[in-house]
Protein backbone atom coordinates (compact mmCIF):
# COMPACT_ATOMS: atom_id res chain seq x y z
CA UNK A 1 0.93 -3.29 43.85
CA UNK A 2 3.82 -5.69 43.43
CA UNK A 3 4.36 -7.25 40.05
CA UNK A 4 1.28 -7.47 37.89
CA UNK A 5 -1.85 -9.08 39.08
CA UNK A 6 -3.17 -7.04 41.99
CA UNK A 7 -3.41 -3.33 42.60
CA UNK A 8 -1.91 -2.36 45.93
CA UNK A 9 -4.76 -0.05 46.86
CA UNK A 10 -7.35 -2.76 46.20
CA UNK A 11 -5.80 -5.86 47.72
CA UNK A 12 -8.07 -8.12 49.76
CA UNK A 13 -6.84 -11.03 51.83
CA UNK A 14 -8.83 -14.07 50.76
CA UNK A 15 -8.13 -15.97 53.96
CA UNK A 16 -9.18 -13.14 56.25
CA UNK A 17 -12.33 -12.54 54.20
CA UNK A 18 -13.37 -16.19 54.47
CA UNK A 19 -12.66 -16.30 58.20
CA UNK A 20 -14.96 -13.36 58.83
CA UNK A 21 -17.84 -15.17 57.13
CA UNK A 22 -17.22 -18.84 57.88
CA UNK A 23 -15.23 -19.06 61.06
CA UNK A 24 -16.34 -22.57 61.99
CA UNK A 25 -17.80 -24.15 58.85
CA UNK A 26 -16.07 -27.28 57.58
CA UNK A 27 -16.64 -30.84 56.42
CA UNK A 28 -15.97 -34.37 57.61
CA UNK A 29 -13.69 -36.81 55.84
CA UNK A 30 -13.90 -40.40 57.15
CA UNK A 31 -14.02 -39.40 60.79
CA UNK A 32 -11.25 -36.79 60.57
CA UNK A 33 -11.76 -33.62 62.65
CA UNK A 34 -13.66 -30.69 61.20
CA UNK A 35 -11.23 -28.33 59.46
CA UNK A 36 -12.04 -24.64 59.17
CA UNK A 37 -12.75 -23.49 55.61
CA UNK A 38 -9.92 -20.97 55.90
CA UNK A 39 -7.44 -23.84 56.43
CA UNK A 40 -8.77 -25.74 53.42
CA UNK A 41 -8.55 -22.56 51.41
CA UNK A 42 -5.01 -21.96 52.63
CA UNK A 43 -3.98 -25.48 51.61
CA UNK A 44 -5.46 -25.00 48.17
CA UNK A 45 -3.69 -21.69 47.69
CA UNK A 46 -0.43 -23.17 48.91
CA UNK A 47 -0.73 -26.10 46.53
CA UNK A 48 -1.27 -23.80 43.56
CA UNK A 49 1.50 -21.40 44.61
CA UNK A 50 3.97 -24.24 45.21
CA UNK A 51 3.24 -25.80 41.82
CA UNK A 52 3.69 -22.45 40.06
CA UNK A 53 6.92 -21.69 41.92
CA UNK A 54 8.39 -25.13 41.20
CA UNK A 55 7.49 -24.97 37.51
CA UNK A 56 9.42 -21.69 37.32
CA UNK A 57 12.47 -22.98 39.16
CA UNK A 58 11.64 -21.15 42.39
CA UNK A 59 10.44 -24.01 44.59
CA UNK A 60 12.98 -23.11 47.30
CA UNK A 61 10.65 -20.33 48.53
CA UNK A 62 8.67 -23.11 50.29
CA UNK A 63 11.71 -24.50 52.14
CA UNK A 64 10.45 -23.20 55.50
CA UNK A 65 6.73 -23.80 54.96
CA UNK A 66 6.31 -26.50 57.58
CA UNK A 67 7.54 -24.28 60.44
CA UNK A 68 5.38 -21.25 59.59
CA UNK A 69 2.32 -20.18 61.53
CA UNK A 70 -0.91 -19.75 59.63
CA UNK A 71 -0.43 -15.99 59.65
CA UNK A 72 3.10 -16.37 58.26
CA UNK A 73 1.85 -18.75 55.57
CA UNK A 74 -0.71 -16.19 54.48
CA UNK A 75 2.01 -13.56 54.34
CA UNK A 76 4.24 -15.69 52.12
CA UNK A 77 1.37 -16.65 49.85
CA UNK A 78 0.44 -13.01 49.45
CA UNK A 79 3.97 -12.25 48.24
CA UNK A 80 3.97 -15.19 45.85
CA UNK A 81 0.47 -14.72 44.46
CA UNK A 82 1.39 -11.21 43.37
CA UNK A 83 4.22 -12.49 41.17
CA UNK A 84 4.18 -12.83 37.40
CA UNK A 85 7.07 -15.26 36.97
CA UNK A 86 7.20 -14.93 33.19
CA UNK A 87 7.48 -11.16 33.40
CA UNK A 88 10.18 -11.39 36.07
CA UNK A 89 12.17 -13.90 34.04
CA UNK A 90 12.11 -11.69 30.93
CA UNK A 91 13.07 -8.55 32.82
CA UNK A 92 15.85 -10.27 34.76
CA UNK A 93 17.34 -11.90 31.66
CA UNK A 94 17.25 -8.69 29.59
CA UNK A 95 18.73 -6.62 32.40
CA UNK A 96 21.56 -9.03 33.13
CA UNK A 97 22.36 -9.35 29.41
CA UNK A 98 22.62 -5.57 29.13
CA UNK A 99 25.39 -5.59 31.76
CA UNK A 100 27.39 -8.44 30.26
CA UNK A 101 28.14 -7.60 26.67
CA UNK A 102 24.59 -7.61 25.38
CA UNK A 103 23.13 -4.71 23.37
CA UNK A 104 25.46 -1.72 23.66
CA UNK A 105 26.06 1.73 22.18
CA UNK A 106 29.20 3.01 20.54
CA UNK A 107 28.22 6.48 19.38
CA UNK A 108 27.18 9.15 21.87
CA UNK A 109 26.81 12.77 20.87
CA UNK A 110 25.77 15.82 22.89
CA UNK A 111 22.14 16.90 22.63
CA UNK A 112 22.16 20.17 20.69
CA UNK A 113 18.55 20.62 19.58
CA UNK A 114 17.59 22.72 22.60
CA UNK A 115 15.16 25.63 22.68
CA UNK A 116 17.43 28.16 24.38
CA UNK A 117 16.29 31.22 26.28
CA UNK A 118 18.49 33.53 24.19
CA UNK A 119 16.76 32.38 21.00
CA UNK A 120 13.18 32.70 22.28
CA UNK A 121 11.36 35.95 21.54
CA UNK A 122 8.81 37.41 23.95
CA UNK A 123 6.10 36.86 21.32
CA UNK A 124 6.96 33.17 21.05
CA UNK A 125 7.02 32.72 24.81
CA UNK A 126 3.64 34.45 25.10
CA UNK A 127 2.13 32.23 22.39
CA UNK A 128 3.39 29.03 24.05
CA UNK A 129 2.21 30.22 27.46
CA UNK A 130 -1.25 31.03 26.18
CA UNK A 131 -1.57 27.56 24.64
CA UNK A 132 -0.44 26.04 27.95
CA UNK A 133 -3.07 28.04 29.85
CA UNK A 134 -5.71 26.82 27.38
CA UNK A 135 -4.71 23.19 27.98
CA UNK A 136 -4.99 23.70 31.73
CA UNK A 137 -8.30 25.59 31.58
CA UNK A 138 -9.85 22.87 29.39
CA UNK A 139 -8.66 20.03 31.62
CA UNK A 140 -6.35 18.63 28.92
CA UNK A 141 -3.20 18.93 31.05
CA UNK A 142 -2.37 17.53 34.48
CA UNK A 143 0.57 17.44 36.88
CA UNK A 144 2.53 14.39 38.03
CA UNK A 145 4.64 14.53 41.20
CA UNK A 146 7.28 11.96 42.14
CA UNK A 147 7.18 11.96 45.95
CA UNK A 148 8.42 8.56 47.10
CA UNK A 149 11.53 9.76 48.93
CA UNK A 150 12.02 10.20 52.65
CA UNK A 151 13.90 13.07 54.25
CA UNK A 152 16.54 10.79 55.79
CA UNK A 153 19.50 12.84 54.55
CA UNK A 154 17.79 15.94 55.89
CA UNK A 155 17.50 14.44 59.36
CA UNK A 156 13.80 13.68 59.04
CA UNK A 157 11.92 10.38 58.98
CA UNK A 158 8.95 12.01 57.22
CA UNK A 159 8.44 12.26 53.44
CA UNK A 160 10.56 14.93 51.76
CA UNK A 161 7.41 16.77 50.75
CA UNK A 162 6.61 17.39 54.42
CA UNK A 163 9.96 19.11 54.96
CA UNK A 164 10.22 22.78 55.96
CA UNK A 165 13.33 24.29 54.33
CA UNK A 166 13.31 27.15 56.84
CA UNK A 167 11.21 29.77 55.08
CA UNK A 168 9.77 32.53 57.27
CA UNK A 169 6.28 31.08 56.63
CA UNK A 170 7.47 27.55 57.53
CA UNK A 171 5.52 26.10 54.62
CA UNK A 172 6.39 22.55 53.65
CA UNK A 173 7.45 21.66 50.10
CA UNK A 174 4.01 20.10 49.59
CA UNK A 175 2.32 23.35 50.63
CA UNK A 176 4.47 25.50 48.35
CA UNK A 177 3.61 23.25 45.42
CA UNK A 178 -0.11 23.03 46.22
CA UNK A 179 -0.34 26.81 46.40
CA UNK A 180 1.46 27.18 43.06
CA UNK A 181 -1.11 24.84 41.57
CA UNK A 182 -3.96 26.94 42.98
CA UNK A 183 -2.45 30.13 41.57
CA UNK A 184 -1.87 28.46 38.19
CA UNK A 185 -5.55 27.51 37.99
CA UNK A 186 -6.52 31.15 38.50
CA UNK A 187 -4.04 32.35 35.86
CA UNK A 188 -5.35 29.79 33.38
CA UNK A 189 -8.92 30.92 34.00
CA UNK A 190 -7.96 34.55 33.44
CA UNK A 191 -6.04 33.73 30.25
CA UNK A 192 -9.02 31.76 28.93
CA UNK A 193 -11.44 34.55 29.86
CA UNK A 194 -13.35 32.18 32.14
CA UNK A 195 -14.44 32.38 35.75
CA UNK A 196 -12.16 30.36 38.03
CA UNK A 197 -15.13 28.30 39.16
CA UNK A 198 -15.84 27.31 35.54
CA UNK A 199 -12.34 26.02 34.86
CA UNK A 200 -11.72 22.31 35.33
CA UNK A 201 -9.53 21.69 38.40
CA UNK A 202 -5.91 21.01 37.47
CA UNK A 203 -5.46 17.39 38.50
CA UNK A 204 -2.45 16.49 40.63
CA UNK A 205 -1.22 12.88 40.57
CA UNK A 206 1.19 12.09 43.40
CA UNK A 207 3.30 8.95 43.42
CA UNK A 208 4.28 7.95 46.95
CA UNK A 209 6.06 4.85 48.20
CA UNK A 210 5.38 2.31 50.91
CA UNK A 211 7.62 4.41 53.16
CA UNK A 212 5.89 7.75 52.50
CA UNK A 213 2.29 6.94 51.59
CA UNK A 214 0.57 7.10 54.98
CA UNK A 215 2.50 10.15 56.20
CA UNK A 216 1.83 11.98 52.93
CA UNK A 217 -1.91 11.41 53.21
CA UNK A 218 -1.84 12.47 56.86
CA UNK A 219 -0.01 15.69 55.94
CA UNK A 220 -2.58 16.58 53.29
CA UNK A 221 -5.50 15.72 55.56
CA UNK A 222 -4.06 17.77 58.42
CA UNK A 223 -3.84 20.84 56.16
CA UNK A 224 -7.20 20.31 54.45
CA UNK A 225 -5.41 19.64 51.16
CA UNK A 226 -4.00 23.19 51.24
CA UNK A 227 -7.21 24.57 49.74
CA UNK A 228 -7.34 22.15 46.81
CA UNK A 229 -10.44 20.13 46.08
CA UNK A 230 -9.79 16.63 47.39
CA UNK A 231 -11.05 15.03 44.20
CA UNK A 232 -8.36 16.75 42.14
CA UNK A 233 -5.56 15.01 44.06
CA UNK A 234 -4.85 11.33 43.37
CA UNK A 235 -2.28 9.36 45.35
CA UNK A 236 -0.77 6.11 44.11
CA UNK A 237 2.20 4.02 45.17
CA UNK A 238 5.48 3.18 43.53
CA UNK A 239 5.95 -0.53 42.89
CA UNK A 240 8.44 -3.11 44.10
CA UNK A 241 10.47 -5.87 42.52
CA UNK A 242 11.83 -8.92 44.30
CA UNK A 243 15.58 -9.27 44.83
CA UNK A 244 17.48 -12.04 43.04
CA UNK A 245 20.63 -14.07 43.29
CA UNK A 246 23.07 -13.85 40.39
CA UNK A 247 21.42 -16.88 38.78
CA UNK A 248 17.90 -15.46 39.05
CA UNK A 249 16.65 -17.18 42.20
CA UNK A 250 14.27 -15.24 44.43
CA UNK A 251 15.70 -14.33 47.84
CA UNK A 252 13.72 -14.92 51.03
CA UNK A 253 14.26 -12.11 53.51
CA UNK A 254 12.50 -14.12 56.22
CA UNK A 255 10.97 -17.61 56.11
CA UNK A 256 7.63 -15.95 55.30
CA UNK A 257 8.55 -13.02 53.03
CA UNK A 258 10.48 -12.21 49.88
CA UNK A 259 13.29 -9.67 49.83
CA UNK A 260 12.03 -6.70 47.79
CA UNK A 261 13.23 -3.27 46.70
CA UNK A 262 11.53 -0.24 45.07
CA UNK A 263 11.54 -0.44 41.27
CA UNK A 264 12.93 3.10 40.76
CA UNK A 265 11.26 6.33 39.70
CA UNK A 266 10.83 4.72 36.27
CA UNK A 267 8.32 2.46 37.99
CA UNK A 268 5.90 5.35 37.57
CA UNK A 269 4.92 4.05 34.13
CA UNK A 270 3.72 0.69 35.39
CA UNK A 271 2.23 2.16 38.56
CA UNK A 272 0.11 4.55 36.49
CA UNK A 273 -1.04 1.68 34.28
CA UNK A 274 -1.71 -0.93 36.97
CA UNK A 275 -3.61 1.49 39.17
CA UNK A 276 -5.99 2.32 36.31
CA UNK A 277 -4.93 5.98 36.33
CA UNK A 278 -3.83 6.05 32.68
CA UNK A 279 -7.21 4.75 31.59
CA UNK A 280 -8.92 7.31 33.83
CA UNK A 281 -6.79 10.11 32.34
CA UNK A 282 -7.73 9.13 28.80
CA UNK A 283 -11.41 8.94 29.74
CA UNK A 284 -11.21 12.41 31.31
CA UNK A 285 -9.67 13.92 28.18
CA UNK A 286 -6.23 14.56 29.72
CA UNK A 287 -3.69 14.67 26.89
CA UNK A 288 -0.42 15.54 28.62
CA UNK A 289 1.38 15.60 31.96
CA UNK A 290 3.95 17.90 33.49
CA UNK A 291 6.21 15.82 35.76
CA UNK A 292 8.63 16.91 38.48
CA UNK A 293 10.32 15.76 41.72
CA UNK A 294 9.16 16.78 45.17
CA UNK A 295 12.57 18.00 46.36
CA UNK A 296 12.78 20.88 43.86
CA UNK A 297 11.81 23.88 45.96
CA UNK A 298 11.45 26.16 42.90
CA UNK A 299 9.50 23.72 40.71
CA UNK A 300 7.03 25.59 38.52
CA UNK A 301 4.65 22.67 38.28
CA UNK A 302 2.40 22.81 35.25
CA UNK A 303 4.61 25.47 33.59
CA UNK A 304 2.31 26.73 30.80
CA UNK A 305 5.17 27.94 28.61
CA UNK A 306 6.81 24.52 28.68
CA UNK A 307 3.72 22.39 28.14
CA UNK A 308 2.44 24.85 25.55
CA UNK A 309 5.62 24.44 23.51
CA UNK A 310 5.79 20.65 23.85
CA UNK A 311 2.13 20.15 22.99
CA UNK A 312 1.42 22.94 20.51
CA UNK A 313 4.72 23.43 18.68
CA UNK A 314 6.93 20.35 19.04
CA UNK A 315 4.08 17.80 19.08
CA UNK A 316 6.32 15.90 21.48
CA UNK A 317 5.69 12.67 23.31
CA UNK A 318 8.55 13.39 25.74
CA UNK A 319 9.90 16.75 26.77
CA UNK A 320 12.38 17.97 29.35
CA UNK A 321 13.24 21.28 30.92
CA UNK A 322 17.01 21.61 31.03
CA UNK A 323 19.54 23.96 32.61
CA UNK A 324 23.13 24.60 31.60
CA UNK A 325 25.64 22.78 33.77
CA UNK A 326 26.98 25.02 36.51
CA UNK A 327 30.52 23.62 36.12
CA UNK A 328 32.07 20.56 34.44
CA UNK A 329 32.24 18.44 37.60
CA UNK A 330 28.63 19.08 38.65
CA UNK A 331 27.09 15.75 39.62
CA UNK A 332 24.11 15.81 37.30
CA UNK A 333 23.09 13.69 34.34
CA UNK A 334 23.24 15.31 30.90
CA UNK A 335 21.11 14.81 27.82
CA UNK A 336 22.74 13.15 24.84
CA UNK A 337 21.92 11.33 21.62
CA UNK A 338 22.85 7.67 21.60
CA UNK A 339 22.96 5.48 18.49
CA UNK A 340 22.90 1.70 18.55
CA UNK A 341 26.25 0.09 17.83
CA UNK A 342 26.69 -1.70 14.49
CA UNK A 343 26.56 -5.46 14.40
CA UNK A 344 27.50 -8.16 11.93
CA UNK A 345 23.94 -8.42 10.60
CA UNK A 346 22.88 -4.83 10.07
CA UNK A 347 26.22 -3.05 9.79
CA UNK A 348 26.67 0.58 10.90
CA UNK A 349 23.58 2.53 11.84
CA UNK A 350 23.63 5.76 9.84
CA UNK A 351 19.90 6.40 9.72
CA UNK A 352 19.96 9.32 12.15
CA UNK A 353 21.74 11.07 14.97
CA UNK A 354 20.37 8.70 17.60
CA UNK A 355 17.74 8.70 20.30
CA UNK A 356 17.42 10.92 23.35
CA UNK A 357 19.04 9.54 26.46
CA UNK A 358 20.59 10.71 29.71
CA UNK A 359 24.23 10.10 30.60
CA UNK A 360 24.88 9.92 34.31
CA UNK A 361 27.81 12.02 35.51
CA UNK A 362 29.72 8.82 36.31
CA UNK A 363 29.54 7.77 32.64
CA UNK A 364 31.46 10.83 31.41
CA UNK A 365 35.21 10.83 31.95
CA UNK A 366 36.53 14.16 33.29
CA UNK A 367 38.13 15.13 29.98
CA UNK A 368 34.91 14.75 28.00
CA UNK A 369 32.88 16.41 30.74
CA UNK A 370 35.14 19.48 30.59
CA UNK A 371 35.34 19.73 26.79
CA UNK A 372 34.21 23.07 25.34
CA UNK A 373 32.42 23.49 22.02
CA UNK A 374 34.35 26.35 20.36
CA UNK A 375 31.33 27.29 18.21
CA UNK A 376 29.19 28.07 21.26
CA UNK A 377 31.62 28.55 24.12
CA UNK A 378 29.52 26.08 26.11
CA UNK A 379 30.36 22.63 27.36
CA UNK A 380 29.80 19.94 24.74
CA UNK A 381 27.71 17.98 27.23
CA UNK A 382 26.02 21.07 28.60
CA UNK A 383 22.33 20.37 29.18
CA UNK A 384 21.52 18.96 32.60
CA UNK A 385 18.64 16.65 33.48
CA UNK A 386 16.67 18.19 36.37
CA UNK A 387 13.81 15.66 36.26
CA UNK A 388 11.20 18.09 34.95
CA UNK A 389 9.45 16.32 32.11
CA UNK A 390 6.53 16.41 29.72
CA UNK A 391 4.67 13.28 28.61
CA UNK A 392 1.80 12.71 26.24
CA UNK A 393 -0.75 10.36 27.77
CA UNK A 394 -0.92 8.37 24.51
CA UNK A 395 2.82 7.68 24.73
CA UNK A 396 2.59 6.75 28.41
CA UNK A 397 0.02 4.11 27.55
CA UNK A 398 2.22 2.71 24.77
CA UNK A 399 5.28 2.58 27.03
CA UNK A 400 3.36 0.91 29.83
CA UNK A 401 2.20 -1.79 27.39
CA UNK A 402 5.80 -2.44 26.32
CA UNK A 403 7.06 -2.54 29.90
CA UNK A 404 4.28 -4.89 30.96
CA UNK A 405 5.42 -7.30 28.24
CA UNK A 406 8.87 -7.25 29.88
CA UNK A 407 12.35 -7.18 28.38
CA UNK A 408 12.08 -4.28 25.91
CA UNK A 409 13.78 -1.84 28.29
CA UNK A 410 16.47 -3.35 30.54
CA UNK A 411 16.52 -2.30 34.16
CA UNK A 412 19.65 -1.10 35.93
CA UNK A 413 21.37 -3.87 37.85
CA UNK A 414 22.61 -3.00 41.34
CA UNK A 415 24.69 -5.64 43.10
CA UNK A 416 24.08 -5.29 46.82
CA UNK A 417 24.20 -7.24 50.05
CA UNK A 418 20.59 -8.37 50.50
CA UNK A 419 19.07 -9.25 53.90
CA UNK A 420 18.05 -12.90 53.80
CA UNK A 421 16.81 -15.68 56.01
CA UNK A 422 20.44 -16.87 56.36
CA UNK A 423 21.93 -13.41 56.81
CA UNK A 424 23.14 -10.83 54.26
CA UNK A 425 23.91 -12.42 50.87
CA UNK A 426 25.18 -11.06 47.53
CA UNK A 427 22.20 -10.23 45.36
CA UNK A 428 20.63 -8.19 42.58
CA UNK A 429 18.26 -5.26 42.82
CA UNK A 430 16.58 -4.10 39.58
CA UNK A 431 15.68 -0.46 39.11
CA UNK A 432 14.25 1.57 36.22
CA UNK A 433 14.97 5.29 35.89
CA UNK A 434 12.32 7.55 34.45
CA UNK A 435 14.54 8.53 31.52
CA UNK A 436 15.36 4.94 30.52
CA UNK A 437 12.27 4.89 28.32
CA UNK A 438 13.02 8.13 26.46
CA UNK A 439 14.59 6.31 23.47
CA UNK A 440 11.13 4.82 22.85
CA UNK A 441 9.89 8.31 21.90
CA UNK A 442 12.10 8.35 18.78
CA UNK A 443 12.30 11.85 17.36
CA UNK A 444 9.15 13.11 19.11
CA UNK A 445 11.13 14.79 21.87
CA UNK A 446 11.74 18.37 22.99
CA UNK A 447 14.37 19.99 25.21
CA UNK A 448 13.58 23.45 26.55
CA UNK A 449 16.03 25.56 28.52
CA UNK A 450 14.88 27.22 31.73
CA UNK A 451 16.73 29.56 34.07
CA UNK A 452 18.25 27.64 36.98
CA UNK A 453 17.66 30.62 39.28
CA UNK A 454 13.92 30.46 38.57
CA UNK A 455 13.23 26.74 38.23
CA UNK A 456 15.73 24.57 40.06
CA UNK A 457 16.80 24.52 43.71
CA UNK A 458 16.89 20.89 44.90
CA UNK A 459 16.88 19.79 48.52
CA UNK A 460 19.04 16.66 48.61
CA UNK A 461 21.82 17.18 51.14
CA UNK A 462 21.90 17.74 54.88
CA UNK A 463 21.37 21.18 56.39
CA UNK A 464 24.62 23.12 56.30
CA UNK A 465 25.87 21.50 53.09
CA UNK A 466 27.34 23.87 50.51
CA UNK A 467 25.13 22.65 47.67
CA UNK A 468 21.60 21.33 47.22
CA UNK A 469 20.69 21.77 50.88
CA UNK A 470 17.70 23.31 52.68
CA UNK A 471 19.89 26.39 53.23
CA UNK A 472 20.76 26.86 49.55
CA UNK A 473 17.14 26.21 48.51
CA UNK A 474 15.83 28.76 51.03
CA UNK A 475 18.36 31.34 49.84
CA UNK A 476 17.45 30.73 46.19
CA UNK A 477 13.74 31.15 46.83
CA UNK A 478 14.04 34.31 48.93
CA UNK A 479 16.44 35.84 46.39
CA UNK A 480 14.10 35.00 43.50
CA UNK A 481 11.13 36.55 45.28
CA UNK A 482 13.12 39.70 46.10
CA UNK A 483 13.84 40.03 42.39
CA UNK A 484 10.12 39.78 41.61
CA UNK A 485 9.29 42.51 44.11
CA UNK A 486 12.00 44.82 42.80
CA UNK A 487 10.88 44.27 39.20
CA UNK A 488 7.36 45.28 40.30
CA UNK A 489 8.64 48.67 41.49
CA UNK A 490 9.50 48.18 45.16
CA UNK A 491 12.71 48.22 47.16
CA UNK A 492 13.90 45.24 49.23
CA UNK A 493 16.47 46.20 51.86
CA UNK A 494 16.64 42.88 53.72
CA UNK A 495 19.86 41.15 52.67
CA UNK A 496 18.28 37.68 52.49
CA UNK A 497 15.36 38.82 50.38
CA UNK A 498 11.63 38.45 50.99
CA UNK A 499 9.05 35.65 50.77
CA UNK A 500 6.09 35.91 48.41
CA UNK A 501 3.26 33.41 48.80
CA UNK A 502 2.56 31.32 45.67
CA UNK A 503 -1.10 32.25 46.22
CA UNK A 504 -0.14 35.80 45.22
CA UNK A 505 2.33 35.13 42.41
CA UNK A 506 3.30 32.02 40.43
CA UNK A 507 6.24 33.52 38.52
CA UNK A 508 6.46 37.19 39.49
CA UNK A 509 3.20 38.34 37.94
CA UNK A 510 0.53 40.44 39.63
CA UNK A 511 2.71 42.21 42.19
CA UNK A 512 2.70 45.83 41.00
CA UNK A 513 -0.66 46.69 42.52
CA UNK A 514 0.59 45.45 45.89
CA UNK A 515 4.22 46.60 46.11
CA UNK A 516 4.74 49.59 43.78
CA UNK A 517 6.68 52.34 45.52
CA UNK A 518 7.07 50.48 48.80
CA UNK A 519 10.13 49.34 50.76
CA UNK A 520 10.38 45.90 52.37
CA UNK A 521 12.88 45.37 55.15
CA UNK A 522 11.51 42.12 56.60
CA UNK A 523 11.57 38.59 55.26
CA UNK A 524 7.90 38.00 56.08
CA UNK A 525 5.29 40.63 55.25
CA UNK A 526 1.58 39.92 55.66
CA UNK A 527 0.50 41.59 52.41
CA UNK A 528 2.84 39.30 50.49
CA UNK A 529 1.36 36.21 52.13
CA UNK A 530 -2.40 36.69 51.69
CA UNK A 531 -4.05 37.45 48.34
CA UNK A 532 -6.10 40.67 48.36
CA UNK A 533 -9.85 40.08 48.78
């Protein structure tokens, strides 16, 4: 999948297909030698592609055509035939305008409409959770995983999801998450009073990237999908955008290929649409998605309390789990309300408080980031984005339609040195973040606080780092599990804690019958790893 016309998982090379059928067929033309059909076909494709490129001011991509081999020509044509020049022109123009005095915002206020833990009663939480379980049991909810990143910072060339953070069980992040999904299915069945076998499998949609796709599939195959039914797991790839010069010209990385870059985690909207997954979701009766990132070792994917609130109470199109900032300088984005700036035509915008957005930590000056709200004792900009979201499928389809039209939501512009056929050159990479579309949800949004200690332990930095490392994630998980075991009536004497398999407990439930009255002095205990028969 590149720009619009072809789905990456279904691409077929026309030239190679014709060669396999008609390797020697051709025709005479006034005594000229017989030309293979594939060559004629290649010439025809090249003629069409050249005409289209030239009419869009991109004819320079054929500058090296005459020196290319037939294989190289096919490669270049494949890149060019995937392009929708009109779409690219609209997106590039809108994105560049947004960085050079185009549409801007003058009024930014902290997001304050947050469902906080201290204000939520046990009865409310139970009601939301029960509704979430019902959605899962009826097949109306699904889970979306963003898993395009590699473990480069962690010292691994494999996908992050394959990484072992050093737990006693040595389970990968993928395995931890798959087992949580299996446990969640059983809990949903029990809450709905239905046999587990009668509950619809909770579907797991996993967005990979070109860099992680093959290794991710291999990891799942090697572990027999961690006990999940293969048909409940769908893999699809993040898209790419070509790189541009400052004046919008496409950059050739080699004489036979365009320079390209991933389109950001916000590319998930178009990837879901172009792959046909959104249509398949609607046909299957899936109404909402719980979305998270692969590097969160504590991610409670499919959290029934969260999706139950967003779907059943808030009637939200977009929701987000949030945590309070740990300290003012923490390098996390924060939720805010942003109102469009007045202009000479419409005057000041006083219609409402603004739309939900995320401010990156670099956008807040230190003084504002450290400001305290005296009425709450919390930071003004207090609620951190941890990339744990809720989406209605109806809204996802609407957003994808707008993005496919191009220009309604500017992409972020990154000025980088781009590898090119003449060496590194200054260029533009365009990237969309998943939260860039949140303003399109209007007031149909919901922010729900979760406990950082229970829901958020990212693995972003190298082993040994003081924050967000495999070491800190491992410590957070073992400490959380020790708390579960103690709350269930046991004693944990091991300083680091103890590991509880997600197959046994999703969020601390169901442990009393196993641990009551016992003492655990080892990190790894068999009865906490295998569910009872």
